[in-house]
Amino acid sequence: MSENSVFRFGGATGVGSLPGGDAHEAAKTATGSLEDFPFLAELPARGPGADMIGRTTGLLVELYARVEPSGWRIGDRPGRDTRRARSWLTQDLDALEEYTQGYQGDLKVQAVGPWTLAATLELRNGEVALSDPGACRDLAASLGEGLRLHLADVRRRVPGARLVLQLDEPSLTAVLRGQVRSASGYRTHRAVDRQVAESTLRDLVGVNDGGPVVVHSCAPDVPFALLRRAGAAGVSFDFSLLTERDDDVIGEAVEGGTRLFAGVVPGTDGPLSDPAGSVMGVRTLWRRLGLRPELLAEAVTLTPACGLAGASPAYARQALAHCVRAARSLADNPE
């Protein structure tokens, strides 16, 4: 296995978002349901600035963004939307700190990755930053510096934690394929060179001070190989979107030491199968790839399929607890 195999993760965690707007309730859920691998929750129901794009713009250094009717747009100075995003993040961190007193273990924090941010944030002319290579570089550099400061803050607040940084990149595949539409909607922006995309991600992977970085996407056709080359210790994805044509790249990722964060529990309210049933597809994949069953617990962390912002609070708690039970089932009965 590669150097990524030195990282050991908990058997289950969340993706990022939770329902509602109460920071203390969210921190209680994210730490109480996931005692071995809690996360800093996002609460987009509070409005712009609490969503994943808004939260990440609040982390940027010397770049600011405001909400326009068309979405988030880069501005000249920090305004109301930036201040609101930073205020909500502080509230969430205060609550997390309260519920992690004395905690030692993995703790996950999330931010939007450089390419999804570039495909979403608008420049002053209304086109997304992806349209301008210089703007992409500036945005990635600002994000990297902001993440360093953010991670240092979390380390001060929870000194016993090993921080796992998750970069959310749901638009990465579209960026690589030239499928991000222009402001007019009549054309698409040119595909980003895969080496440029990989290099930019590698730089962002380096901001966690040697700690593990996981890249998340709940879109189809996640570029596992590129993410592995960029240094990601894990890849988080919606397991239901895998097909047999992904077998080779999944097998290579596992054998290369990449952790699979497999989204096996629906992100919205619905009936939950028994824990063993939730991981049946993972076991089937393992047998198909000819991988050793005992490797399952070492190679897989279970999560919801995507964020839980659209779920009810009761279901969100059940879904996270279900992931924990399913992970235990996977470890106890790998065959």
Protein backbone atom coordinates (compact mmCIF):
# COMPACT_ATOMS: atom_id res chain seq x y z
CA MET A 1 0.00 0.00 0.00
CA SER A 2 1.03 3.65 -0.47
CA GLU A 3 1.93 6.19 2.17
CA ASN A 4 -1.81 6.91 2.53
CA SER A 5 -2.14 3.57 4.33
CA VAL A 6 -0.55 5.11 7.43
CA PHE A 7 -3.81 6.93 8.04
CA ARG A 8 -6.40 5.14 10.15
CA PHE A 9 -9.95 6.48 10.14
CA GLY A 10 -13.10 5.81 12.09
CA GLY A 11 -15.60 3.38 10.61
CA ALA A 12 -18.35 5.96 10.04
CA THR A 13 -18.78 9.73 9.75
CA GLY A 14 -21.06 12.34 8.21
CA VAL A 15 -20.65 14.20 4.94
CA GLY A 16 -21.13 17.77 6.16
CA SER A 17 -24.59 19.30 6.30
CA LEU A 18 -27.33 18.72 8.86
CA PRO A 19 -30.92 20.02 9.02
CA GLY A 20 -32.06 22.94 11.15
CA GLY A 21 -30.31 26.06 12.35
CA ASP A 22 -29.26 25.38 15.94
CA ALA A 23 -25.46 25.15 16.19
CA HIS A 24 -25.54 23.44 19.57
CA GLU A 25 -28.03 20.80 18.47
CA ALA A 26 -25.95 20.14 15.35
CA ALA A 27 -22.73 19.79 17.34
CA LYS A 28 -24.50 17.45 19.77
CA THR A 29 -25.69 15.28 16.87
CA ALA A 30 -22.36 15.26 15.03
CA THR A 31 -20.38 14.33 18.14
CA GLY A 32 -22.92 12.16 19.95
CA SER A 33 -23.87 9.99 16.99
CA LEU A 34 -20.28 9.65 15.78
CA GLU A 35 -18.13 9.27 18.86
CA ASP A 36 -15.12 7.94 16.88
CA PHE A 37 -15.24 10.31 13.89
CA PRO A 38 -17.30 13.49 14.50
CA PHE A 39 -17.41 16.42 12.08
CA LEU A 40 -18.00 20.15 12.03
CA ALA A 41 -21.58 20.43 10.80
CA GLU A 42 -22.88 22.88 8.20
CA LEU A 43 -26.42 24.25 8.58
CA PRO A 44 -27.52 25.70 5.22
CA ALA A 45 -31.12 26.16 6.40
CA ARG A 46 -29.94 29.35 8.11
CA GLY A 47 -29.57 30.98 4.71
CA PRO A 48 -26.80 32.39 2.48
CA GLY A 49 -23.49 32.25 4.27
CA ALA A 50 -24.33 29.00 6.04
CA ASP A 51 -24.44 27.01 2.79
CA MET A 52 -21.23 25.28 1.74
CA ILE A 53 -20.28 27.94 -0.83
CA GLY A 54 -21.02 30.78 1.58
CA ARG A 55 -19.10 29.16 4.41
CA THR A 56 -16.07 28.66 2.20
CA THR A 57 -16.14 32.23 0.86
CA GLY A 58 -15.98 33.34 4.49
CA LEU A 59 -12.66 31.50 4.78
CA LEU A 60 -11.01 33.24 1.83
CA VAL A 61 -8.08 35.57 2.50
CA GLU A 62 -8.10 38.97 0.74
CA LEU A 63 -10.98 37.84 -1.45
CA TYR A 64 -14.61 38.49 -0.59
CA ALA A 65 -17.98 37.51 -1.98
CA ARG A 66 -21.54 38.73 -1.79
CA VAL A 67 -24.89 37.26 -2.77
CA GLU A 68 -26.40 38.42 -6.06
CA PRO A 69 -29.65 37.19 -7.64
CA SER A 70 -27.56 34.87 -9.82
CA GLY A 71 -25.49 33.51 -6.93
CA TRP A 72 -22.25 34.28 -5.09
CA ARG A 73 -20.06 36.95 -6.71
CA ILE A 74 -16.58 38.15 -5.84
CA GLY A 75 -16.60 41.70 -4.43
CA ASP A 76 -14.12 44.40 -3.44
CA ARG A 77 -14.53 44.35 0.31
CA PRO A 78 -16.08 42.28 3.09
CA GLY A 79 -19.78 43.04 3.26
CA ARG A 80 -22.81 41.80 5.15
CA ASP A 81 -22.72 38.34 3.55
CA THR A 82 -19.07 37.78 4.44
CA ARG A 83 -19.62 38.94 8.02
CA ARG A 84 -22.64 36.68 8.35
CA ALA A 85 -20.75 33.65 7.02
CA ARG A 86 -17.90 34.23 9.46
CA SER A 87 -20.26 34.82 12.37
CA TRP A 88 -22.10 31.54 11.75
CA LEU A 89 -18.83 29.65 11.43
CA THR A 90 -17.71 31.08 14.78
CA GLN A 91 -20.98 29.94 16.36
CA ASP A 92 -20.51 26.45 14.93
CA LEU A 93 -16.92 26.27 16.16
CA ASP A 94 -17.90 27.47 19.63
CA ALA A 95 -20.54 24.73 19.83
CA LEU A 96 -18.16 22.08 18.52
CA GLU A 97 -15.52 23.09 21.05
CA GLU A 98 -18.06 22.73 23.86
CA TYR A 99 -18.96 19.17 22.82
CA THR A 100 -15.38 18.00 22.19
CA GLN A 101 -13.78 18.84 25.52
CA GLY A 102 -11.06 16.24 26.11
CA TYR A 103 -11.74 14.54 22.76
CA GLN A 104 -8.89 12.62 21.14
CA GLY A 105 -9.30 11.13 17.71
CA ASP A 106 -10.30 12.02 14.16
CA LEU A 107 -12.32 15.18 13.58
CA LYS A 108 -13.47 16.15 10.09
CA VAL A 109 -13.93 19.68 8.77
CA GLN A 110 -15.25 20.49 5.30
CA ALA A 111 -14.72 23.23 2.72
CA VAL A 112 -15.54 23.55 -0.95
CA GLY A 113 -12.58 22.60 -3.13
CA PRO A 114 -10.89 24.97 -5.58
CA TRP A 115 -12.55 23.70 -8.76
CA THR A 116 -16.13 23.62 -7.52
CA LEU A 117 -15.53 27.06 -6.04
CA ALA A 118 -14.19 28.31 -9.38
CA ALA A 119 -17.19 26.80 -11.18
CA THR A 120 -19.61 28.56 -8.82
CA LEU A 121 -18.19 31.94 -7.76
CA GLU A 122 -18.87 34.69 -10.28
CA LEU A 123 -16.45 37.39 -11.34
CA ARG A 124 -17.57 41.01 -11.67
CA ASN A 125 -18.60 40.40 -15.31
CA GLY A 126 -21.01 37.66 -14.23
CA GLU A 127 -18.97 34.74 -15.60
CA VAL A 128 -17.67 32.19 -13.14
CA ALA A 129 -14.03 32.30 -12.06
CA LEU A 130 -13.47 29.13 -14.10
CA SER A 131 -13.50 31.33 -17.21
CA ASP A 132 -10.25 33.02 -16.16
CA PRO A 133 -7.14 30.91 -15.39
CA GLY A 134 -5.62 33.77 -13.41
CA ALA A 135 -8.75 34.07 -11.29
CA CYS A 136 -8.62 30.30 -10.66
CA ARG A 137 -5.04 30.56 -9.41
CA ASP A 138 -5.87 33.53 -7.16
CA LEU A 139 -8.91 31.76 -5.78
CA ALA A 140 -6.97 28.57 -5.03
CA ALA A 141 -4.20 30.54 -3.30
CA SER A 142 -6.71 32.49 -1.20
CA LEU A 143 -8.54 29.29 -0.28
CA GLY A 144 -5.29 27.57 0.69
CA GLU A 145 -4.28 30.38 3.04
CA GLY A 146 -7.78 30.56 4.52
CA LEU A 147 -7.82 26.84 5.16
CA ARG A 148 -4.46 26.99 6.94
CA LEU A 149 -5.83 29.63 9.31
CA HIS A 150 -9.10 27.73 9.79
CA LEU A 151 -7.37 24.44 10.57
CA ALA A 152 -5.03 26.18 13.02
CA ASP A 153 -8.07 27.64 14.79
CA VAL A 154 -9.74 24.24 15.06
CA ARG A 155 -6.51 22.71 16.39
CA ARG A 156 -6.39 25.32 19.14
CA ARG A 157 -10.01 24.62 20.05
CA VAL A 158 -9.74 20.81 19.96
CA PRO A 159 -6.07 20.10 20.67
CA GLY A 160 -6.52 16.33 20.98
CA ALA A 161 -8.00 15.91 17.51
CA ARG A 162 -6.33 14.73 14.35
CA LEU A 163 -7.96 16.95 11.74
CA VAL A 164 -9.23 15.38 8.54
CA LEU A 165 -9.88 18.01 5.87
CA GLN A 166 -12.64 17.25 3.38
CA LEU A 167 -12.67 19.18 0.12
CA ASP A 168 -16.12 19.13 -1.49
CA GLU A 169 -15.75 18.87 -5.26
CA PRO A 170 -19.15 17.95 -6.75
CA SER A 171 -18.37 20.00 -9.91
CA LEU A 172 -14.92 18.53 -10.55
CA THR A 173 -16.04 16.03 -13.19
CA ALA A 174 -17.96 18.76 -15.06
CA VAL A 175 -14.88 21.02 -14.87
CA LEU A 176 -12.66 18.29 -16.33
CA ARG A 177 -15.15 17.55 -19.12
CA GLY A 178 -15.91 21.13 -20.13
CA GLN A 179 -19.53 20.88 -19.00
CA VAL A 180 -19.77 24.04 -16.85
CA ARG A 181 -22.14 26.45 -18.59
CA SER A 182 -21.42 30.11 -19.24
CA ALA A 183 -23.59 32.88 -17.78
CA SER A 184 -25.65 33.01 -20.98
CA GLY A 185 -26.23 29.28 -20.92
CA TYR A 186 -25.48 29.04 -24.64
CA ARG A 187 -21.98 27.65 -24.33
CA THR A 188 -19.74 25.84 -21.88
CA HIS A 189 -16.38 26.81 -20.48
CA ARG A 190 -13.31 25.05 -21.80
CA ALA A 191 -12.29 21.91 -19.95
CA VAL A 192 -9.50 22.39 -17.43
CA ASP A 193 -6.33 20.47 -18.23
CA ARG A 194 -6.19 17.42 -15.96
CA GLN A 195 -2.59 18.13 -14.95
CA VAL A 196 -3.53 21.66 -13.92
CA ALA A 197 -6.50 20.36 -11.96
CA GLU A 198 -4.34 17.73 -10.26
CA SER A 199 -1.58 20.19 -9.41
CA THR A 200 -4.03 22.66 -7.88
CA LEU A 201 -5.62 19.94 -5.77
CA ARG A 202 -2.19 18.70 -4.68
CA ASP A 203 -1.37 22.18 -3.37
CA LEU A 204 -4.62 22.25 -1.39
CA VAL A 205 -3.99 18.75 -0.02
CA GLY A 206 -0.77 20.14 1.43
CA VAL A 207 -2.48 22.73 3.65
CA ASN A 208 -3.43 20.19 6.34
CA ASP A 209 0.08 20.16 7.80
CA GLY A 210 0.70 16.54 6.86
CA GLY A 211 -2.75 15.41 7.97
CA PRO A 212 -5.16 13.47 5.76
CA VAL A 213 -7.35 15.12 3.13
CA VAL A 214 -10.49 13.51 1.73
CA VAL A 215 -12.16 14.71 -1.47
CA HIS A 216 -15.95 14.38 -1.63
CA SER A 217 -18.26 14.27 -4.62
CA CYS A 218 -21.76 12.86 -4.80
CA ALA A 219 -21.79 13.31 -8.61
CA PRO A 220 -21.33 10.41 -11.01
CA ASP A 221 -17.91 9.44 -12.42
CA VAL A 222 -15.67 10.65 -9.62
CA PRO A 223 -12.06 10.85 -10.95
CA PHE A 224 -10.55 8.46 -8.40
CA ALA A 225 -7.19 8.11 -10.15
CA LEU A 226 -6.62 11.86 -10.43
CA LEU A 227 -7.53 12.40 -6.78
CA ARG A 228 -5.21 9.60 -5.71
CA ARG A 229 -2.33 11.15 -7.67
CA ALA A 230 -3.10 14.52 -6.10
CA GLY A 231 -2.45 13.00 -2.69
CA ALA A 232 -5.96 12.52 -1.34
CA ALA A 233 -5.91 10.01 1.51
CA GLY A 234 -9.57 9.22 0.87
CA VAL A 235 -12.36 9.70 -1.65
CA SER A 236 -15.95 10.22 -0.50
CA PHE A 237 -18.73 9.30 -2.93
CA ASP A 238 -22.30 8.08 -3.37
CA PHE A 239 -21.90 4.31 -3.50
CA SER A 240 -25.16 3.87 -5.44
CA LEU A 241 -23.64 5.70 -8.44
CA LEU A 242 -20.85 3.17 -8.95
CA THR A 243 -21.06 0.78 -11.89
CA GLU A 244 -18.97 -2.23 -12.82
CA ARG A 245 -16.93 -0.05 -15.17
CA ASP A 246 -15.55 1.63 -12.03
CA ASP A 247 -14.14 -1.66 -10.72
CA ASP A 248 -10.61 -1.23 -12.01
CA VAL A 249 -10.14 2.28 -10.70
CA ILE A 250 -11.69 1.36 -7.33
CA GLY A 251 -9.43 -1.66 -7.05
CA GLU A 252 -6.36 0.43 -7.90
CA ALA A 253 -7.36 3.05 -5.34
CA VAL A 254 -7.77 0.50 -2.55
CA GLU A 255 -4.54 -1.28 -3.40
CA GLY A 256 -2.80 2.11 -3.49
CA GLY A 257 -3.93 2.82 0.09
CA THR A 258 -6.77 5.23 -0.67
CA ARG A 259 -9.59 5.12 1.88
CA LEU A 260 -13.10 4.79 0.46
CA PHE A 261 -15.73 6.94 2.17
CA ALA A 262 -18.71 5.03 0.83
CA GLY A 263 -22.08 6.78 0.96
CA VAL A 264 -24.45 3.88 1.63
CA VAL A 265 -27.32 5.52 3.58
CA PRO A 266 -29.89 7.77 1.80
CA GLY A 267 -29.57 11.46 2.58
CA THR A 268 -33.32 12.11 2.83
CA ASP A 269 -36.05 10.58 4.94
CA GLY A 270 -37.04 7.04 4.15
CA PRO A 271 -36.96 3.53 5.54
CA LEU A 272 -33.55 2.22 6.57
CA SER A 273 -32.63 -1.39 5.96
CA ASP A 274 -30.86 -3.44 8.59
CA PRO A 275 -27.17 -2.46 8.96
CA ALA A 276 -25.96 -5.64 7.25
CA GLY A 277 -28.20 -4.91 4.28
CA SER A 278 -26.76 -1.40 3.92
CA VAL A 279 -23.28 -2.80 3.29
CA MET A 280 -24.28 -5.74 1.11
CA GLY A 281 -23.22 -3.81 -2.00
CA VAL A 282 -19.82 -3.05 -0.47
CA ARG A 283 -19.24 -6.74 0.26
CA THR A 284 -20.36 -7.64 -3.29
CA LEU A 285 -17.89 -5.12 -4.73
CA TRP A 286 -15.10 -6.58 -2.59
CA ARG A 287 -15.79 -10.11 -3.82
CA ARG A 288 -15.96 -8.90 -7.42
CA LEU A 289 -12.58 -7.19 -7.07
CA GLY A 290 -11.03 -10.22 -5.38
CA LEU A 291 -9.94 -8.14 -2.40
CA ARG A 292 -9.31 -9.71 1.00
CA PRO A 293 -12.44 -9.44 3.22
CA GLU A 294 -10.36 -8.51 6.25
CA LEU A 295 -9.24 -5.38 4.37
CA LEU A 296 -12.78 -3.96 4.47
CA ALA A 297 -12.57 -2.26 7.85
CA GLU A 298 -9.12 -0.88 7.01
CA ALA A 299 -10.21 0.52 3.65
CA VAL A 300 -13.81 1.72 4.08
CA THR A 301 -15.52 4.43 6.12
CA LEU A 302 -19.32 4.54 5.82
CA THR A 303 -21.30 7.77 5.39
CA PRO A 304 -24.67 8.98 4.17
CA ALA A 305 -24.83 9.24 0.38
CA CYS A 306 -24.56 13.03 0.61
CA GLY A 307 -25.31 15.82 3.07
CA LEU A 308 -28.34 15.57 5.35
CA ALA A 309 -29.61 19.15 5.05
CA GLY A 310 -32.79 17.94 3.33
CA ALA A 311 -33.62 15.37 6.00
CA SER A 312 -35.65 15.77 9.16
CA PRO A 313 -33.61 16.13 12.38
CA ALA A 314 -34.84 12.75 13.61
CA TYR A 315 -33.87 11.00 10.39
CA ALA A 316 -30.45 12.71 10.34
CA ARG A 317 -29.68 11.28 13.77
CA GLN A 318 -30.95 7.86 12.72
CA ALA A 319 -28.90 7.93 9.51
CA LEU A 320 -25.64 8.71 11.31
CA ALA A 321 -26.31 6.06 13.97
CA HIS A 322 -27.16 3.61 11.18
CA CYS A 323 -23.78 4.29 9.53
CA VAL A 324 -22.06 3.45 12.81
CA ARG A 325 -23.97 0.17 13.18
CA ALA A 326 -23.33 -0.73 9.52
CA ALA A 327 -19.60 -0.06 9.96
CA ARG A 328 -19.57 -2.32 12.99
CA SER A 329 -21.33 -5.02 10.96
CA LEU A 330 -18.74 -4.64 8.21
CA ALA A 331 -15.86 -5.01 10.68
CA ASP A 332 -17.38 -7.92 12.60
CA ASN A 333 -18.57 -9.88 9.56
CA PRO A 334 -16.43 -8.94 6.54
CA GLU A 335 -17.35 -12.04 4.53
